[in-house]
C-alpha cells in the first residue's frame, strides 16, 4: 500500500462520527481511483461456470459521492478505520469466516444495523497493489460458507430462513462445515444481535430493494 502525506489526518477528521470509514480504492501510484466504496447486490443463483454463487456481492461506486465523508453502503478498497468503541460494539470482524469472501459485506451490514453507518473519506489518498490472481486457493465452498455464516448471524430469523433458501441444495463440503459450527454460530449471533438498532427491512429498503420486496412479502 502507499499513502499520501496527509492520509491519516484526512481519515481522523471523521473518525469521531463513529462510522466505519474507508478510503477510496486507488491504484498503487494513486493516479487512478477505481471506486468510492460499494453498493450491495444480492445474487440468488448458483452458476460456478459464470462465477456466480448465492449471497451478497458488491458493485463498485465509480462516481465520487462528494467531498468530505459521505455515506456509502459498503466499505471497500485499500484502508478502513473506526473508533475502538465502534469496533468493540460490533465485536470486530466475524471470527467464523474462512479463507476469503464477504468480510466487507458482513461488517458493513452490521455497521448499518448497529446505527454507526459507513462513510468514504473521499480525499484520503491511499493506494493499493492489486494482483491478477489470489496467491492462495479460493473455492466456491469457502465463499458460500462465509455467506451463510453472515446470514445466520447478522439478520433476523425470518430473513435468514428466506435467504438460506437460495442456497439449496447445499454443497456437501459446506453442509459438513455448517453442521460442525452450530455452537460457534449461536455464540457469535448473540454478540451481533446485541448491537442491533434497526430492522432488516430498514436496511434492505435503503440498500437492497430486491430483498426488501421479498422480505416484506414474506
C-alpha atoms as a PDB file:
ATOM      1  CA  UNK A   1       0.000   0.000   0.000  1.00  0.00           C
ATOM      2  CA  UNK A   2       1.054   3.619  -0.474  1.00  0.00           C
ATOM      3  CA  UNK A   3      -0.082   6.663   1.482  1.00  0.00           C
ATOM      4  CA  UNK A   4      -0.289  10.376   0.747  1.00  0.00           C
ATOM      5  CA  UNK A   5       1.428  12.532   3.370  1.00  0.00           C
ATOM      6  CA  UNK A   6      -1.918  13.707   4.802  1.00  0.00           C
ATOM      7  CA  UNK A   7      -3.943  10.496   4.524  1.00  0.00           C
ATOM      8  CA  UNK A   8      -4.144   9.921   8.271  1.00  0.00           C
ATOM      9  CA  UNK A   9      -5.274  13.474   9.042  1.00  0.00           C
ATOM     10  CA  UNK A  10      -7.964  13.158   6.372  1.00  0.00           C
ATOM     11  CA  UNK A  11      -9.277   9.952   7.920  1.00  0.00           C
ATOM     12  CA  UNK A  12      -9.022  11.110  11.542  1.00  0.00           C
ATOM     13  CA  UNK A  13     -11.077  14.209  10.767  1.00  0.00           C
ATOM     14  CA  UNK A  14     -14.137  11.947  10.506  1.00  0.00           C
ATOM     15  CA  UNK A  15     -13.444   9.137  12.949  1.00  0.00           C
ATOM     16  CA  UNK A  16     -15.473  10.750  15.751  1.00  0.00           C
ATOM     17  CA  UNK A  17     -18.608  10.164  13.661  1.00  0.00           C
ATOM     18  CA  UNK A  18     -18.387   6.594  14.954  1.00  0.00           C
ATOM     19  CA  UNK A  19     -18.841   5.257  11.438  1.00  0.00           C
ATOM     20  CA  UNK A  20     -16.796   2.608   9.694  1.00  0.00           C
ATOM     21  CA  UNK A  21     -14.574   4.672   7.372  1.00  0.00           C
ATOM     22  CA  UNK A  22     -12.951   3.659   4.116  1.00  0.00           C
ATOM     23  CA  UNK A  23     -10.579   5.463   1.796  1.00  0.00           C
ATOM     24  CA  UNK A  24     -11.318   5.409  -1.947  1.00  0.00           C
ATOM     25  CA  UNK A  25      -9.815   2.462  -3.796  1.00  0.00           C
ATOM     26  CA  UNK A  26      -6.869   3.861  -5.777  1.00  0.00           C
ATOM     27  CA  UNK A  27      -4.087   2.111  -7.667  1.00  0.00           C
ATOM     28  CA  UNK A  28      -0.646   1.757  -6.126  1.00  0.00           C
ATOM     29  CA  UNK A  29       0.602   5.024  -7.674  1.00  0.00           C
ATOM     30  CA  UNK A  30      -2.615   6.776  -6.534  1.00  0.00           C
ATOM     31  CA  UNK A  31      -3.078   8.086 -10.062  1.00  0.00           C
ATOM     32  CA  UNK A  32      -6.353   6.262 -10.742  1.00  0.00           C
ATOM     33  CA  UNK A  33      -9.363   5.913  -8.446  1.00  0.00           C
ATOM     34  CA  UNK A  34     -11.353   2.740  -9.006  1.00  0.00           C
ATOM     35  CA  UNK A  35     -14.214   3.321  -6.601  1.00  0.00           C
ATOM     36  CA  UNK A  36     -15.616   5.166  -3.591  1.00  0.00           C
ATOM     37  CA  UNK A  37     -16.970   2.300  -1.539  1.00  0.00           C
ATOM     38  CA  UNK A  38     -19.515  -0.091  -2.999  1.00  0.00           C
ATOM     39  CA  UNK A  39     -23.187  -0.992  -3.266  1.00  0.00           C
ATOM     40  CA  UNK A  40     -24.746  -4.214  -2.017  1.00  0.00           C
ATOM     41  CA  UNK A  41     -26.036  -6.648  -4.614  1.00  0.00           C
ATOM     42  CA  UNK A  42     -27.901  -9.884  -3.974  1.00  0.00           C
ATOM     43  CA  UNK A  43     -27.299 -12.972  -6.104  1.00  0.00           C
ATOM     44  CA  UNK A  44     -29.872 -15.727  -5.847  1.00  0.00           C
ATOM     45  CA  UNK A  45     -28.228 -18.127  -8.289  1.00  0.00           C
ATOM     46  CA  UNK A  46     -25.502 -20.752  -8.246  1.00  0.00           C
ATOM     47  CA  UNK A  47     -23.639 -20.965 -11.543  1.00  0.00           C
ATOM     48  CA  UNK A  48     -19.968 -21.526 -10.909  1.00  0.00           C
ATOM     49  CA  UNK A  49     -19.100 -21.506 -14.613  1.00  0.00           C
ATOM     50  CA  UNK A  50     -20.422 -17.958 -14.775  1.00  0.00           C
ATOM     51  CA  UNK A  51     -18.621 -17.107 -11.490  1.00  0.00           C
ATOM     52  CA  UNK A  52     -21.916 -16.765  -9.643  1.00  0.00           C
ATOM     53  CA  UNK A  53     -22.785 -18.116  -6.211  1.00  0.00           C
ATOM     54  CA  UNK A  54     -25.626 -17.216  -3.828  1.00  0.00           C
ATOM     55  CA  UNK A  55     -25.201 -14.356  -1.407  1.00  0.00           C
ATOM     56  CA  UNK A  56     -24.257 -10.704  -1.092  1.00  0.00           C
ATOM     57  CA  UNK A  57     -21.918  -9.288  -3.700  1.00  0.00           C
ATOM     58  CA  UNK A  58     -20.686  -5.755  -4.306  1.00  0.00           C
ATOM     59  CA  UNK A  59     -20.733  -3.236  -7.119  1.00  0.00           C
ATOM     60  CA  UNK A  60     -18.065  -0.543  -7.116  1.00  0.00           C
ATOM     61  CA  UNK A  61     -19.272   3.043  -6.717  1.00  0.00           C
ATOM     62  CA  UNK A  62     -17.227   4.587  -9.514  1.00  0.00           C
ATOM     63  CA  UNK A  63     -18.647   8.116  -9.233  1.00  0.00           C
ATOM     64  CA  UNK A  64     -17.455  10.327  -6.397  1.00  0.00           C
ATOM     65  CA  UNK A  65     -20.249  10.840  -3.843  1.00  0.00           C
ATOM     66  CA  UNK A  66     -18.917  14.312  -2.969  1.00  0.00           C
ATOM     67  CA  UNK A  67     -16.425  15.898  -0.653  1.00  0.00           C
ATOM     68  CA  UNK A  68     -15.778  15.104   2.987  1.00  0.00           C
ATOM     69  CA  UNK A  69     -17.046  11.736   4.206  1.00  0.00           C
ATOM     70  CA  UNK A  70     -20.415  10.963   2.600  1.00  0.00           C
ATOM     71  CA  UNK A  71     -22.371   7.835   3.487  1.00  0.00           C
ATOM     72  CA  UNK A  72     -21.776   4.769   1.315  1.00  0.00           C
ATOM     73  CA  UNK A  73     -23.446   1.357   1.659  1.00  0.00           C
ATOM     74  CA  UNK A  74     -20.257  -0.688   1.912  1.00  0.00           C
ATOM     75  CA  UNK A  75     -16.619  -0.144   2.818  1.00  0.00           C
ATOM     76  CA  UNK A  76     -14.291  -1.445   0.165  1.00  0.00           C
ATOM     77  CA  UNK A  77     -10.846  -0.520  -1.023  1.00  0.00           C
ATOM     78  CA  UNK A  78      -7.443  -0.082   0.460  1.00  0.00           C
ATOM     79  CA  UNK A  79      -7.870   1.204   4.010  1.00  0.00           C
ATOM     80  CA  UNK A  80     -10.516   1.054   6.766  1.00  0.00           C
ATOM     81  CA  UNK A  81     -10.729   2.908  10.066  1.00  0.00           C
ATOM     82  CA  UNK A  82     -13.115   3.056  13.010  1.00  0.00           C
ATOM     83  CA  UNK A  83     -13.034   4.037  16.654  1.00  0.00           C
ATOM     84  CA  UNK A  84     -12.149   1.371  19.184  1.00  0.00           C
ATOM     85  CA  UNK A  85     -15.590   1.866  20.771  1.00  0.00           C
ATOM     86  CA  UNK A  86     -17.299   1.088  17.457  1.00  0.00           C
ATOM     87  CA  UNK A  87     -15.072  -1.934  16.920  1.00  0.00           C
ATOM     88  CA  UNK A  88     -15.919  -3.270  20.361  1.00  0.00           C
ATOM     89  CA  UNK A  89     -19.642  -2.602  19.938  1.00  0.00           C
ATOM     90  CA  UNK A  90     -19.618  -4.534  16.662  1.00  0.00           C
ATOM     91  CA  UNK A  91     -17.426  -7.285  18.041  1.00  0.00           C
ATOM     92  CA  UNK A  92     -14.882  -6.758  15.280  1.00  0.00           C
ATOM     93  CA  UNK A  93     -14.717  -8.867  12.158  1.00  0.00           C
ATOM     94  CA  UNK A  94     -16.523 -12.190  12.116  1.00  0.00           C
ATOM     95  CA  UNK A  95     -14.488 -14.959  13.785  1.00  0.00           C
ATOM     96  CA  UNK A  96     -16.399 -17.591  11.800  1.00  0.00           C
ATOM     97  CA  UNK A  97     -15.142 -16.801   8.312  1.00  0.00           C
ATOM     98  CA  UNK A  98     -12.607 -18.925   6.490  1.00  0.00           C
ATOM     99  CA  UNK A  99     -10.100 -18.204   3.705  1.00  0.00           C
ATOM    100  CA  UNK A 100     -11.745 -15.341   1.761  1.00  0.00           C
ATOM    101  CA  UNK A 101     -15.009 -13.712   0.752  1.00  0.00           C
ATOM    102  CA  UNK A 102     -17.705 -11.495   2.204  1.00  0.00           C
ATOM    103  CA  UNK A 103     -15.936  -9.679   5.045  1.00  0.00           C
ATOM    104  CA  UNK A 104     -16.765  -6.201   3.710  1.00  0.00           C
ATOM    105  CA  UNK A 105     -20.391  -7.116   3.149  1.00  0.00           C
ATOM    106  CA  UNK A 106     -20.678  -8.596   6.636  1.00  0.00           C
ATOM    107  CA  UNK A 107     -19.046  -5.825   8.669  1.00  0.00           C
ATOM    108  CA  UNK A 108     -20.680  -3.045   6.625  1.00  0.00           C
ATOM    109  CA  UNK A 109     -24.160  -4.519   7.097  1.00  0.00           C
ATOM    110  CA  UNK A 110     -23.516  -4.835  10.821  1.00  0.00           C
ATOM    111  CA  UNK A 111     -22.282  -1.241  10.999  1.00  0.00           C
ATOM    112  CA  UNK A 112     -25.517  -0.004   9.453  1.00  0.00           C
ATOM    113  CA  UNK A 113     -27.782  -2.252  11.540  1.00  0.00           C
ATOM    114  CA  UNK A 114     -25.987  -1.080  14.698  1.00  0.00           C
ATOM    115  CA  UNK A 115     -26.537   2.581  13.791  1.00  0.00           C
ATOM    116  CA  UNK A 116     -22.913   3.514  13.063  1.00  0.00           C
ATOM    117  CA  UNK A 117     -23.067   3.578   9.289  1.00  0.00           C
ATOM    118  CA  UNK A 118     -20.293   3.569   6.697  1.00  0.00           C
ATOM    119  CA  UNK A 119     -18.548   6.575   5.159  1.00  0.00           C
ATOM    120  CA  UNK A 120     -15.984   7.078   2.404  1.00  0.00           C
ATOM    121  CA  UNK A 121     -13.364   9.749   3.111  1.00  0.00           C
ATOM    122  CA  UNK A 122     -13.058  10.870  -0.486  1.00  0.00           C
ATOM    123  CA  UNK A 123      -9.879  12.938  -0.140  1.00  0.00           C
ATOM    124  CA  UNK A 124      -7.837  10.322   1.735  1.00  0.00           C
ATOM    125  CA  UNK A 125      -5.029   9.266  -0.590  1.00  0.00           C
ATOM    126  CA  UNK A 126      -4.341   5.567  -0.142  1.00  0.00           C
ATOM    127  CA  UNK A 127      -3.004   3.275  -2.862  1.00  0.00           C
ATOM    128  CA  UNK A 128      -3.389  -0.476  -3.108  1.00  0.00           C
ATOM    129  CA  UNK A 129      -1.285  -3.011  -5.004  1.00  0.00           C
ATOM    130  CA  UNK A 130      -3.684  -5.231  -6.930  1.00  0.00           C
ATOM    131  CA  UNK A 131      -2.745  -8.681  -8.174  1.00  0.00           C
ATOM    132  CA  UNK A 132      -4.271 -10.505 -11.156  1.00  0.00           C
ATOM    133  CA  UNK A 133      -4.916 -13.643  -9.081  1.00  0.00           C
ATOM    134  CA  UNK A 134      -5.129 -14.757  -5.467  1.00  0.00           C
ATOM    135  CA  UNK A 135      -1.839 -16.066  -4.043  1.00  0.00           C
ATOM    136  CA  UNK A 136      -3.868 -18.810  -2.346  1.00  0.00           C
ATOM    137  CA  UNK A 137      -6.700 -21.124  -3.341  1.00  0.00           C
ATOM    138  CA  UNK A 138     -10.240 -19.713  -3.181  1.00  0.00           C
ATOM    139  CA  UNK A 139     -13.083 -22.211  -3.632  1.00  0.00           C
ATOM    140  CA  UNK A 140     -16.762 -21.553  -4.047  1.00  0.00           C
ATOM    141  CA  UNK A 141     -17.354 -23.751  -0.987  1.00  0.00           C
ATOM    142  CA  UNK A 142     -15.392 -21.235   1.081  1.00  0.00           C
ATOM    143  CA  UNK A 143     -17.302 -18.279  -0.372  1.00  0.00           C
ATOM    144  CA  UNK A 144     -20.699 -19.905   0.248  1.00  0.00           C
ATOM    145  CA  UNK A 145     -19.732 -20.957   3.760  1.00  0.00           C
ATOM    146  CA  UNK A 146     -18.802 -17.378   4.655  1.00  0.00           C
ATOM    147  CA  UNK A 147     -22.035 -16.070   3.174  1.00  0.00           C
ATOM    148  CA  UNK A 148     -24.074 -18.484   5.270  1.00  0.00           C
ATOM    149  CA  UNK A 149     -22.107 -17.595   8.402  1.00  0.00           C
ATOM    150  CA  UNK A 150     -23.026 -13.971   7.807  1.00  0.00           C
ATOM    151  CA  UNK A 151     -26.680 -14.657   7.008  1.00  0.00           C
ATOM    152  CA  UNK A 152     -27.121 -16.823  10.114  1.00  0.00           C
ATOM    153  CA  UNK A 153     -25.611 -14.281  12.492  1.00  0.00           C
ATOM    154  CA  UNK A 154     -26.393 -10.811  11.106  1.00  0.00           C
ATOM    155  CA  UNK A 155     -30.070 -10.983  10.200  1.00  0.00           C
ATOM    156  CA  UNK A 156     -33.391 -11.687  11.875  1.00  0.00           C
ATOM    157  CA  UNK A 157     -34.585 -15.301  11.908  1.00  0.00           C
ATOM    158  CA  UNK A 158     -37.237 -14.770   9.228  1.00  0.00           C
ATOM    159  CA  UNK A 159     -34.692 -13.118   6.951  1.00  0.00           C
ATOM    160  CA  UNK A 160     -32.142 -15.875   7.496  1.00  0.00           C
ATOM    161  CA  UNK A 161     -34.670 -18.552   6.568  1.00  0.00           C
ATOM    162  CA  UNK A 162     -35.608 -16.669   3.402  1.00  0.00           C
ATOM    163  CA  UNK A 163     -32.051 -16.046   2.257  1.00  0.00           C
ATOM    164  CA  UNK A 164     -30.813 -19.535   3.039  1.00  0.00           C
ATOM    165  CA  UNK A 165     -33.440 -20.974   0.696  1.00  0.00           C
ATOM    166  CA  UNK A 166     -31.393 -19.622  -2.227  1.00  0.00           C
ATOM    167  CA  UNK A 167     -28.502 -21.912  -1.213  1.00  0.00           C
ATOM    168  CA  UNK A 168     -30.453 -25.179  -1.586  1.00  0.00           C
ATOM    169  CA  UNK A 169     -29.123 -27.733  -2.217  1.00  0.00           C
ATOM    170  CA  UNK A 170     -26.042 -27.102  -0.116  1.00  0.00           C
ATOM    171  CA  UNK A 171     -22.718 -28.343  -1.492  1.00  0.00           C
ATOM    172  CA  UNK A 172     -21.567 -31.338   0.567  1.00  0.00           C
ATOM    173  CA  UNK A 173     -18.479 -29.562   1.877  1.00  0.00           C
ATOM    174  CA  UNK A 174     -20.499 -26.566   3.043  1.00  0.00           C
ATOM    175  CA  UNK A 175     -23.113 -28.761   4.739  1.00  0.00           C
ATOM    176  CA  UNK A 176     -20.445 -30.646   6.708  1.00  0.00           C
ATOM    177  CA  UNK A 177     -18.810 -27.442   7.917  1.00  0.00           C
ATOM    178  CA  UNK A 178     -22.150 -25.920   8.908  1.00  0.00           C
ATOM    179  CA  UNK A 179     -23.099 -28.980  10.952  1.00  0.00           C
ATOM    180  CA  UNK A 180     -19.922 -28.613  12.973  1.00  0.00           C
ATOM    181  CA  UNK A 181     -20.285 -24.900  13.717  1.00  0.00           C
ATOM    182  CA  UNK A 182     -23.689 -24.578  15.394  1.00  0.00           C
ATOM    183  CA  UNK A 183     -22.383 -23.636  18.848  1.00  0.00           C
ATOM    184  CA  UNK A 184     -19.999 -21.022  17.421  1.00  0.00           C
ATOM    185  CA  UNK A 185     -22.771 -19.558  15.273  1.00  0.00           C
ATOM    186  CA  UNK A 186     -25.104 -19.231  18.261  1.00  0.00           C
ATOM    187  CA  UNK A 187     -22.444 -17.509  20.355  1.00  0.00           C
ATOM    188  CA  UNK A 188     -21.437 -15.034  17.642  1.00  0.00           C
ATOM    189  CA  UNK A 189     -25.066 -14.357  16.732  1.00  0.00           C
ATOM    190  CA  UNK A 190     -25.730 -13.301  20.325  1.00  0.00           C
ATOM    191  CA  UNK A 191     -22.854 -10.800  20.127  1.00  0.00           C
ATOM    192  CA  UNK A 192     -24.012  -9.386  16.801  1.00  0.00           C
ATOM    193  CA  UNK A 193     -27.671  -9.059  17.726  1.00  0.00           C
ATOM    194  CA  UNK A 194     -26.810  -7.180  20.927  1.00  0.00           C
ATOM    195  CA  UNK A 195     -25.589  -4.232  18.830  1.00  0.00           C
ATOM    196  CA  UNK A 196     -28.650  -4.062  16.553  1.00  0.00           C
ATOM    197  CA  UNK A 197     -30.500  -0.738  16.405  1.00  0.00           C
ATOM    198  CA  UNK A 198     -32.583  -1.106  13.219  1.00  0.00           C
ATOM    199  CA  UNK A 199     -34.502  -3.819  11.395  1.00  0.00           C
ATOM    200  CA  UNK A 200     -33.603  -5.850   8.337  1.00  0.00           C
ATOM    201  CA  UNK A 201     -36.435  -4.164   6.447  1.00  0.00           C
ATOM    202  CA  UNK A 202     -34.968  -0.736   7.171  1.00  0.00           C
ATOM    203  CA  UNK A 203     -31.574  -1.897   5.931  1.00  0.00           C
ATOM    204  CA  UNK A 204     -32.951  -3.558   2.798  1.00  0.00           C
ATOM    205  CA  UNK A 205     -35.233  -0.636   1.934  1.00  0.00           C
ATOM    206  CA  UNK A 206     -32.176   1.592   1.773  1.00  0.00           C
ATOM    207  CA  UNK A 207     -29.570  -0.673   0.233  1.00  0.00           C
ATOM    208  CA  UNK A 208     -31.079  -3.862  -1.265  1.00  0.00           C
ATOM    209  CA  UNK A 209     -34.584  -3.066  -2.618  1.00  0.00           C
ATOM    210  CA  UNK A 210     -34.947  -6.541  -4.154  1.00  0.00           C
ATOM    211  CA  UNK A 211     -34.634  -8.147  -0.735  1.00  0.00           C
ATOM    212  CA  UNK A 212     -36.898  -5.544   0.823  1.00  0.00           C
ATOM    213  CA  UNK A 213     -39.672  -6.647  -1.517  1.00  0.00           C
ATOM    214  CA  UNK A 214     -39.033 -10.323  -0.869  1.00  0.00           C
ATOM    215  CA  UNK A 215     -38.827  -9.898   2.900  1.00  0.00           C
ATOM    216  CA  UNK A 216     -41.879  -7.657   3.081  1.00  0.00           C
ATOM    217  CA  UNK A 217     -43.895 -10.143   1.029  1.00  0.00           C
ATOM    218  CA  UNK A 218     -42.834 -12.990   3.313  1.00  0.00           C
END
